[in-house]
Amino acid sequence: MENIYILMIVAIVVLAVADIIVGVSNDAINFLNSAIGSKALPMKTIMVVASLGIFIGAVYSSGLMEVARKGIFVPGEFYFDEIMIIFMAVMITDILLLDFFNTLGLPTSTTVSIVFNLLGAAIVMSLIKISGSETETIADLGNYINKSKALTIIGGILLSVVIAFSVGAIVQWISRLIFSFQYEKQLRNFGIIFGGVALTSITYFIFLKGLKGTPIYKELKGSIEGNEVIILLTAFIGWTLLSFLFEKLTKKTVLLVVIAVGTFGLALAFSGNDLVNFIGVPMAAYHSWEAWSVSGIDPSNFSMEILDAKMPAEPFLLFIAGGIMVVTLWFSKKAKTVAETEISLSRQTETHEKFQPNMLSRSIVKGSTLLSKYLVAVIPNSINSRIERSFKESKLLITKDQSIKLLPLI
C-alpha cells in the first residue's frame, strides 16, 4: 500500500514540473507584455531582466504555501488517502486547464485556477464522505471547507481585478495628461522627476511590501519598520539623481530604466506570489506523505491535522522551481501566442479586433463617456482645453500583422 503513495508523490512531482511549464507560459507574459509592447528595450534585455527577477523571487518566495494546505479546506476533516486524491486531482486539472487556455492564446490567472481546483476537489471529496456517513447531511459540507479563508481569497481575487482596472486607468490618464501623445518635449522637462517618482514607487513595492513574509525580512525588519518615510525620501533622491546622470551620459530617456526596473519588479512579484500556484500542492502532498510514512497508522485513519501547522518551504525545491520557470520563459512557444493576444488588446489605435465587444465592455465605455461629460460640465473651459490638447493624437491605422507582431522570445 505504501508503494502506491510513493508513486503518487512521484507523479505529483512530475505533474508539478508540467504545471510550472504551462503556468509560466500563461502568466509570464502577463508581466512582460508592457515591456515587449513598448519596444523600448531589446527583447533579450527584457528576457534577462525578467529571468533575474523570476529566479530571485522564487528562491526568496514568501510563505504563501499555506493556501494549498489549509487555505481552502479544513485538513483535519480529511484522512491521508483522501488528501492525496484531492492533491492529485488538483494537479491534473490545473495542467489541463492552463494548457487549454495557452493553446487558445488566452491569458488566465494561475491563482484563480489553483484556488478553484482546490475548492472543487475538496467539495467533491467532502460530498463523497458525507454520502458514506449515516449522521452527516449536505448541511455539514461547511465543516470541511475553510469558509472564511476561502471567501477572503476569492474576494481578494475579485477585488484585485477592480483595483487593477481602476488604478491602471487613473495612472494612465494622469501620465497621458502630463506627457500627452507628443511626449518627447514633456520628457525633457519632467522626465527626470517622473523617473524618480516611478522608480521610488517600484522600490516601495519591491522592498517595503514585497519583502514581508520572505525569510530575509526578519533580519531587515528592525531597519525598515518605522523608517519607511526616510527610506522613500532617500530612494527618491537617489533615483532622481540616477535618472539625471543616465540621461546626461547616455542621451537616452530615463523611461528605459523605468521599464527595466519595472519588469524586474513585476517578475519578482510574479515569482514570489505565483510560485505557490505551481508547487504549493506538491509541497503539501510531500509533507503529508512524510508525516504519514513515519506514523505507522493506516492511511484511511491518519488525520491530516498536521497541515494546520506552519511548515517551512524547501529552499532546494524553490531553487529548482525557479530554474524551471526561467528556462520555460525563454523557450515556451505558447507564451508567444498569449503575448500576441495581450499586446493586440492593449494597442491604442484602430486595427483588427480579435474579440467582439460585449455588454460589459459597452457598459464600461458608456459609463466612462457619461462620467466624462459630467466632469466637462463642471470643469473650467481653460482646463478642459488643456486636457483635450494632451489627449489629441494623430490618426493612424495599422494592420492586423502590425498590431500583433512580436520579436522572437529567444
Protein backbone atom coordinates (compact mmCIF):
# COMPACT_ATOMS: atom_id res chain seq x y z
CA MET A 1 0.00 0.00 0.00
CA GLU A 2 2.84 2.38 0.86
CA ASN A 3 4.28 1.96 -2.64
CA ILE A 4 1.09 3.37 -4.11
CA TYR A 5 1.55 6.65 -2.27
CA ILE A 6 5.23 6.83 -3.19
CA LEU A 7 4.18 6.50 -6.82
CA MET A 8 1.57 9.20 -6.26
CA ILE A 9 4.24 11.53 -4.83
CA VAL A 10 6.47 10.86 -7.86
CA ALA A 11 3.52 11.51 -10.19
CA ILE A 12 2.65 14.75 -8.40
CA VAL A 13 6.28 15.92 -8.71
CA VAL A 14 6.22 15.20 -12.45
CA LEU A 15 2.90 16.99 -12.73
CA ALA A 16 4.37 19.92 -10.79
CA VAL A 17 7.10 20.34 -13.41
CA ALA A 18 4.48 20.27 -16.15
CA ASP A 19 2.34 22.72 -14.17
CA ILE A 20 5.25 25.16 -13.88
CA ILE A 21 5.81 24.97 -17.63
CA VAL A 22 2.18 25.59 -18.63
CA GLY A 23 1.70 28.11 -15.81
CA VAL A 24 4.72 30.21 -16.71
CA SER A 25 3.76 30.05 -20.38
CA ASN A 26 0.48 31.72 -19.45
CA ASP A 27 1.38 34.00 -16.57
CA ALA A 28 4.86 35.12 -17.62
CA ILE A 29 3.56 37.22 -20.45
CA ASN A 30 1.25 39.00 -18.01
CA PHE A 31 4.25 40.90 -16.67
CA LEU A 32 6.24 41.03 -19.92
CA ASN A 33 3.62 42.47 -22.26
CA SER A 34 4.21 46.09 -21.19
CA ALA A 35 7.94 45.89 -21.81
CA ILE A 36 7.52 43.96 -25.07
CA GLY A 37 4.75 46.21 -26.33
CA SER A 38 6.73 49.38 -25.66
CA LYS A 39 9.56 48.15 -27.92
CA ALA A 40 11.82 50.38 -25.80
CA LEU A 41 14.33 47.66 -24.93
CA PRO A 42 15.81 44.79 -26.93
CA MET A 43 13.94 41.54 -26.41
CA LYS A 44 16.97 39.76 -24.97
CA THR A 45 17.46 42.54 -22.42
CA ILE A 46 13.85 42.21 -21.30
CA MET A 47 14.22 38.44 -21.01
CA VAL A 48 17.44 38.65 -18.98
CA VAL A 49 15.95 41.19 -16.55
CA ALA A 50 12.75 39.13 -16.20
CA SER A 51 14.72 35.91 -15.69
CA LEU A 52 16.74 37.50 -12.90
CA GLY A 53 13.56 38.72 -11.20
CA ILE A 54 11.86 35.34 -11.51
CA PHE A 55 14.80 33.42 -10.07
CA ILE A 56 15.32 35.76 -7.12
CA GLY A 57 11.59 35.81 -6.41
CA ALA A 58 11.43 32.01 -6.45
CA VAL A 59 14.42 31.47 -4.16
CA TYR A 60 13.14 34.01 -1.64
CA SER A 61 9.49 33.07 -2.04
CA SER A 62 7.17 34.03 0.80
CA GLY A 63 5.17 31.67 2.99
CA LEU A 64 2.07 31.55 0.80
CA MET A 65 2.28 27.76 0.63
CA GLU A 66 -0.40 27.54 3.33
CA VAL A 67 -3.08 28.27 0.72
CA ALA A 68 -2.68 24.76 -0.69
CA ARG A 69 -2.60 23.14 2.77
CA LYS A 70 -5.36 24.86 4.72
CA GLY A 71 -6.47 27.97 2.87
CA ILE A 72 -9.40 26.33 1.10
CA PHE A 73 -10.35 23.23 3.10
CA VAL A 74 -10.04 22.09 6.72
CA PRO A 75 -7.24 19.48 6.63
CA GLY A 76 -8.25 17.89 9.95
CA GLU A 77 -11.51 16.73 8.37
CA PHE A 78 -9.68 14.54 5.84
CA TYR A 79 -7.52 11.45 6.10
CA PHE A 80 -4.24 10.87 4.29
CA ASP A 81 -5.66 8.73 1.50
CA GLU A 82 -8.36 11.34 0.82
CA ILE A 83 -5.97 14.29 0.84
CA MET A 84 -3.67 12.58 -1.67
CA ILE A 85 -6.59 12.06 -4.06
CA ILE A 86 -7.50 15.74 -3.69
CA PHE A 87 -3.95 16.87 -4.48
CA MET A 88 -3.65 14.52 -7.46
CA ALA A 89 -6.94 15.75 -8.91
CA VAL A 90 -5.90 19.38 -8.45
CA MET A 91 -2.59 18.92 -10.28
CA ILE A 92 -4.11 17.09 -13.25
CA THR A 93 -6.96 19.59 -13.60
CA ASP A 94 -4.67 22.60 -13.29
CA ILE A 95 -2.39 21.41 -16.09
CA LEU A 96 -5.28 20.61 -18.43
CA LEU A 97 -6.99 23.93 -17.77
CA LEU A 98 -3.90 26.11 -18.21
CA ASP A 99 -2.71 24.25 -21.29
CA PHE A 100 -6.16 24.64 -22.84
CA PHE A 101 -6.01 28.40 -22.35
CA ASN A 102 -2.41 28.55 -23.61
CA THR A 103 -3.34 26.69 -26.78
CA LEU A 104 -6.12 29.18 -27.47
CA GLY A 105 -3.75 32.07 -26.73
CA LEU A 106 -5.91 33.29 -23.86
CA PRO A 107 -4.26 34.69 -20.72
CA THR A 108 -5.76 33.47 -17.47
CA SER A 109 -4.90 33.55 -13.78
CA THR A 110 -2.99 30.65 -12.26
CA THR A 111 -4.22 31.83 -8.86
CA VAL A 112 -7.86 31.54 -9.89
CA SER A 113 -7.11 28.14 -11.42
CA ILE A 114 -5.43 26.61 -8.36
CA VAL A 115 -7.85 28.12 -5.84
CA PHE A 116 -10.98 26.84 -7.58
CA ASN A 117 -9.34 23.50 -8.39
CA LEU A 118 -8.67 23.04 -4.68
CA LEU A 119 -12.18 24.18 -3.81
CA GLY A 120 -13.81 21.87 -6.34
CA ALA A 121 -11.74 18.82 -5.40
CA ALA A 122 -12.33 19.41 -1.69
CA ILE A 123 -16.09 19.81 -2.16
CA VAL A 124 -16.38 16.60 -4.19
CA MET A 125 -14.34 14.63 -1.65
CA SER A 126 -16.46 16.12 1.14
CA LEU A 127 -19.65 15.05 -0.62
CA ILE A 128 -18.26 11.53 -1.00
CA LYS A 129 -17.51 11.41 2.73
CA ILE A 130 -20.94 12.78 3.59
CA SER A 131 -22.70 10.26 1.31
CA GLY A 132 -20.96 7.44 3.16
CA SER A 133 -21.87 8.77 6.58
CA GLU A 134 -25.08 7.90 8.43
CA THR A 135 -25.02 11.02 10.59
CA GLU A 136 -23.97 13.78 8.19
CA THR A 137 -26.03 15.58 5.57
CA ILE A 138 -25.32 18.12 2.84
CA ALA A 139 -25.72 20.81 5.50
CA ASP A 140 -22.46 19.61 7.05
CA LEU A 141 -20.47 20.47 3.92
CA GLY A 142 -19.34 23.71 5.53
CA ASN A 143 -17.44 21.74 8.17
CA TYR A 144 -14.99 20.54 5.52
CA ILE A 145 -14.37 23.88 3.82
CA ASN A 146 -12.43 26.75 5.36
CA LYS A 147 -15.24 29.15 4.54
CA SER A 148 -13.79 32.36 5.96
CA LYS A 149 -10.35 31.91 4.40
CA ALA A 150 -11.74 30.70 1.08
CA LEU A 151 -14.13 33.64 0.84
CA THR A 152 -11.31 36.02 1.73
CA ILE A 153 -9.10 34.60 -1.03
CA ILE A 154 -11.89 34.62 -3.63
CA GLY A 155 -12.94 38.13 -2.58
CA GLY A 156 -9.33 39.26 -2.87
CA ILE A 157 -9.15 37.87 -6.41
CA LEU A 158 -12.29 39.70 -7.49
CA LEU A 159 -11.24 42.89 -5.71
CA SER A 160 -7.81 42.79 -7.35
CA VAL A 161 -9.48 42.92 -10.78
CA VAL A 162 -11.40 46.07 -9.83
CA ILE A 163 -8.37 47.71 -8.22
CA ALA A 164 -6.06 46.84 -11.11
CA PHE A 165 -8.53 48.20 -13.65
CA SER A 166 -9.20 51.42 -11.71
CA VAL A 167 -5.62 52.19 -10.72
CA GLY A 168 -4.34 51.32 -14.18
CA ALA A 169 -6.86 53.64 -15.82
CA ILE A 170 -6.11 56.51 -13.40
CA VAL A 171 -2.34 56.23 -13.71
CA GLN A 172 -2.57 56.01 -17.49
CA TRP A 173 -4.85 59.06 -17.62
CA ILE A 174 -2.56 61.14 -15.41
CA SER A 175 0.52 60.07 -17.37
CA ARG A 176 -1.14 60.99 -20.66
CA LEU A 177 -2.30 64.30 -19.21
CA ILE A 178 1.26 65.20 -18.23
CA PHE A 179 3.12 63.94 -21.28
CA SER A 180 0.40 63.94 -23.99
CA PHE A 181 0.82 61.92 -27.18
CA GLN A 182 3.73 64.17 -28.17
CA TYR A 183 5.68 63.16 -25.10
CA GLU A 184 9.22 63.95 -26.29
CA LYS A 185 9.08 67.62 -25.24
CA GLN A 186 7.46 66.91 -21.87
CA LEU A 187 10.00 64.21 -21.13
CA ARG A 188 12.78 66.76 -21.46
CA ASN A 189 11.02 68.94 -18.86
CA PHE A 190 9.63 66.39 -16.42
CA GLY A 191 11.26 63.08 -17.38
CA ILE A 192 13.84 63.10 -14.60
CA ILE A 193 11.29 63.84 -11.87
CA PHE A 194 8.88 61.30 -13.36
CA GLY A 195 11.68 58.72 -13.39
CA GLY A 196 12.43 59.42 -9.73
CA VAL A 197 8.78 59.07 -8.72
CA ALA A 198 8.21 55.93 -10.79
CA LEU A 199 11.35 54.18 -9.59
CA THR A 200 10.66 55.13 -5.97
CA SER A 201 7.17 53.64 -6.27
CA ILE A 202 8.64 50.43 -7.64
CA THR A 203 11.19 50.39 -4.82
CA TYR A 204 8.39 50.73 -2.28
CA PHE A 205 6.52 47.71 -3.59
CA ILE A 206 9.65 45.58 -4.06
CA PHE A 207 11.40 46.22 -0.76
CA LEU A 208 8.89 47.62 1.72
CA LYS A 209 5.97 45.45 0.66
CA GLY A 210 7.50 42.60 -1.29
CA LEU A 211 10.00 41.56 1.36
CA LYS A 212 7.34 40.92 4.01
CA GLY A 213 6.91 37.22 4.56
CA THR A 214 10.26 36.31 3.00
CA PRO A 215 12.99 34.57 5.01
CA ILE A 216 15.29 37.62 4.93
CA TYR A 217 12.66 40.08 6.20
CA LYS A 218 13.28 39.10 9.83
CA GLU A 219 16.85 40.32 9.50
CA LEU A 220 15.82 43.62 7.93
CA LYS A 221 12.65 44.23 9.94
CA GLY A 222 14.34 46.40 12.56
CA SER A 223 15.89 48.66 9.93
CA ILE A 224 12.73 49.00 7.81
CA GLU A 225 9.82 49.38 10.22
CA GLY A 226 9.48 52.95 11.45
CA ASN A 227 11.89 54.28 8.82
CA GLU A 228 9.65 53.99 5.75
CA VAL A 229 9.50 57.75 5.10
CA ILE A 230 13.27 58.15 5.33
CA ILE A 231 13.79 55.16 3.04
CA LEU A 232 11.38 56.53 0.44
CA LEU A 233 12.88 60.05 0.53
CA THR A 234 16.36 58.60 0.17
CA ALA A 235 15.19 56.39 -2.68
CA PHE A 236 13.54 59.35 -4.45
CA ILE A 237 16.68 61.47 -4.22
CA GLY A 238 18.87 58.58 -5.32
CA TRP A 239 16.67 57.55 -8.24
CA THR A 240 16.20 61.15 -9.39
CA LEU A 241 19.97 61.68 -9.38
CA LEU A 242 20.44 58.41 -11.24
CA SER A 243 17.82 59.47 -13.79
CA PHE A 244 19.67 62.75 -14.34
CA LEU A 245 23.02 61.03 -14.80
CA PHE A 246 21.54 58.40 -17.09
CA GLU A 247 20.05 60.97 -19.44
CA LYS A 248 23.17 63.13 -19.47
CA LEU A 249 25.59 60.27 -20.05
CA THR A 250 23.59 58.14 -22.49
CA LYS A 251 21.44 60.83 -24.15
CA LYS A 252 18.52 58.43 -23.81
CA THR A 253 15.24 58.75 -21.93
CA VAL A 254 15.03 57.56 -18.34
CA LEU A 255 11.89 55.63 -19.29
CA LEU A 256 14.23 52.85 -20.42
CA VAL A 257 15.38 52.46 -16.81
CA VAL A 258 11.80 52.62 -15.55
CA ILE A 259 10.77 49.83 -17.93
CA ALA A 260 13.75 47.65 -16.98
CA VAL A 261 13.32 48.09 -13.22
CA GLY A 262 9.54 47.71 -13.53
CA THR A 263 9.96 44.47 -15.47
CA PHE A 264 12.30 43.17 -12.76
CA GLY A 265 9.83 44.15 -10.03
CA LEU A 266 6.91 42.51 -11.83
CA ALA A 267 8.92 39.34 -12.41
CA LEU A 268 9.92 39.30 -8.74
CA ALA A 269 6.32 39.72 -7.59
CA PHE A 270 5.07 37.16 -10.11
CA SER A 271 7.55 34.54 -9.00
CA GLY A 272 7.20 35.15 -5.27
CA ASN A 273 3.41 35.12 -5.38
CA ASP A 274 2.58 32.63 -8.10
CA LEU A 275 5.13 30.01 -7.15
CA VAL A 276 2.59 28.68 -4.67
CA ASN A 277 0.26 28.01 -7.59
CA PHE A 278 2.82 25.67 -9.11
CA ILE A 279 4.49 23.87 -6.19
CA GLY A 280 2.23 24.62 -3.21
CA VAL A 281 0.21 21.47 -3.76
CA PRO A 282 3.23 19.19 -4.39
CA MET A 283 4.90 20.50 -1.23
CA ALA A 284 1.72 19.91 0.78
CA ALA A 285 1.49 16.38 -0.66
CA TYR A 286 5.12 15.67 0.23
CA HIS A 287 4.71 16.96 3.79
CA SER A 288 1.55 14.85 4.14
CA TRP A 289 3.32 11.71 2.97
CA GLU A 290 6.33 12.49 5.16
CA ALA A 291 4.13 12.74 8.28
CA TRP A 292 2.11 9.62 7.46
CA SER A 293 5.09 7.42 6.48
CA VAL A 294 6.60 7.59 9.99
CA SER A 295 3.30 7.26 11.85
CA GLY A 296 2.59 3.58 11.25
CA ILE A 297 -1.14 4.37 11.02
CA ASP A 298 -3.41 3.13 8.26
CA PRO A 299 -3.77 5.87 5.56
CA SER A 300 -7.56 5.81 5.89
CA ASN A 301 -7.27 6.61 9.61
CA PHE A 302 -4.41 9.12 9.64
CA SER A 303 -5.85 12.61 10.16
CA MET A 304 -4.19 15.45 8.25
CA GLU A 305 -4.36 17.94 11.13
CA ILE A 306 -0.60 18.30 10.73
CA LEU A 307 -1.23 20.50 7.69
CA ASP A 308 -2.66 23.12 10.04
CA ALA A 309 0.87 23.73 11.34
CA LYS A 310 3.17 26.15 9.54
CA MET A 311 5.72 24.23 7.51
CA PRO A 312 8.95 25.70 6.13
CA ALA A 313 9.47 25.97 2.41
CA GLU A 314 12.16 23.73 0.96
CA PRO A 315 14.98 26.01 -0.33
CA PHE A 316 16.30 23.35 -2.69
CA LEU A 317 12.87 22.83 -4.26
CA LEU A 318 12.41 26.59 -4.61
CA PHE A 319 15.79 26.77 -6.36
CA ILE A 320 14.80 24.03 -8.82
CA ALA A 321 11.37 25.60 -9.42
CA GLY A 322 12.98 28.96 -10.14
CA GLY A 323 15.31 27.36 -12.67
CA ILE A 324 12.43 25.61 -14.45
CA MET A 325 10.47 28.86 -14.57
CA VAL A 326 13.39 30.73 -16.16
CA VAL A 327 14.01 28.02 -18.78
CA THR A 328 10.30 27.93 -19.62
CA LEU A 329 10.22 31.70 -20.01
CA TRP A 330 12.93 31.53 -22.68
CA PHE A 331 11.77 28.52 -24.67
CA SER A 332 7.97 28.35 -24.38
CA LYS A 333 6.30 28.64 -27.77
CA LYS A 334 2.81 29.05 -26.33
CA ALA A 335 3.94 32.08 -24.32
CA LYS A 336 4.32 33.94 -27.61
CA THR A 337 0.73 33.09 -28.58
CA VAL A 338 -0.56 34.51 -25.30
CA ALA A 339 1.65 37.58 -25.78
CA GLU A 340 0.14 38.26 -29.19
CA THR A 341 -3.34 38.29 -27.64
CA GLU A 342 -2.44 40.65 -24.79
CA ILE A 343 -0.43 43.13 -26.88
CA SER A 344 -3.12 43.19 -29.56
CA LEU A 345 -5.71 44.04 -26.90
CA SER A 346 -3.55 46.83 -25.47
CA ARG A 347 -2.89 48.73 -28.70
CA GLN A 348 -4.09 52.34 -28.74
CA THR A 349 -5.01 52.62 -32.41
CA GLU A 350 -7.81 51.17 -34.50
CA THR A 351 -6.94 47.82 -36.02
CA HIS A 352 -8.09 44.21 -36.26
CA GLU A 353 -10.41 43.25 -33.40
CA LYS A 354 -9.71 39.77 -32.06
CA PHE A 355 -12.72 39.80 -29.72
CA GLN A 356 -16.11 41.33 -30.30
CA PRO A 357 -17.42 43.83 -27.72
CA ASN A 358 -19.97 42.54 -25.22
CA MET A 359 -22.48 44.05 -22.83
CA LEU A 360 -19.91 44.53 -20.05
CA SER A 361 -17.38 46.30 -22.26
CA ARG A 362 -20.07 48.52 -23.77
CA SER A 363 -21.33 49.41 -20.29
CA ILE A 364 -17.84 50.41 -19.15
CA VAL A 365 -17.30 52.59 -22.22
CA LYS A 366 -20.73 54.22 -21.93
CA GLY A 367 -20.26 54.80 -18.21
CA SER A 368 -16.85 56.38 -18.76
CA THR A 369 -18.21 58.59 -21.52
CA LEU A 370 -21.11 59.71 -19.32
CA LEU A 371 -18.77 60.47 -16.42
CA SER A 372 -16.53 62.46 -18.76
CA LYS A 373 -19.48 64.58 -19.90
CA TYR A 374 -20.41 65.40 -16.30
CA LEU A 375 -16.83 66.36 -15.47
CA VAL A 376 -16.55 68.56 -18.55
CA ALA A 377 -19.65 70.45 -17.43
CA VAL A 378 -18.15 71.39 -14.05
CA ILE A 379 -14.50 71.91 -15.00
CA PRO A 380 -13.50 75.39 -16.31
CA ASN A 381 -13.10 75.71 -20.08
CA SER A 382 -9.41 76.60 -19.83
CA ILE A 383 -8.66 73.33 -18.03
CA ASN A 384 -10.85 71.37 -20.44
CA SER A 385 -8.89 72.81 -23.36
CA ARG A 386 -5.61 71.81 -21.73
CA ILE A 387 -6.84 68.28 -21.18
CA GLU A 388 -8.09 67.99 -24.77
CA ARG A 389 -4.69 69.04 -26.12
CA SER A 390 -3.00 66.32 -24.05
CA PHE A 391 -5.28 63.66 -25.47
CA LYS A 392 -5.16 64.80 -29.07
CA GLU A 393 -3.49 62.18 -31.23
CA SER A 394 -2.68 61.77 -34.88
CA LYS A 395 -4.92 59.40 -36.82
CA LEU A 396 -3.07 56.21 -37.58
CA LEU A 397 -4.47 52.93 -38.85
CA ILE A 398 -2.31 49.84 -38.51
CA THR A 399 -2.83 46.40 -39.95
CA LYS A 400 -3.55 43.21 -38.08
CA ASP A 401 0.03 42.00 -38.60
CA GLN A 402 1.45 45.24 -37.23
CA SER A 403 -0.77 45.09 -34.15
CA ILE A 404 0.39 41.65 -33.02
CA LYS A 405 3.91 41.43 -34.43
CA LEU A 406 6.41 40.40 -31.76
CA LEU A 407 10.12 39.84 -31.64
CA PRO A 408 11.19 36.20 -31.12
CA LEU A 409 11.28 35.12 -27.49
CA ILE A 410 14.80 33.74 -27.96
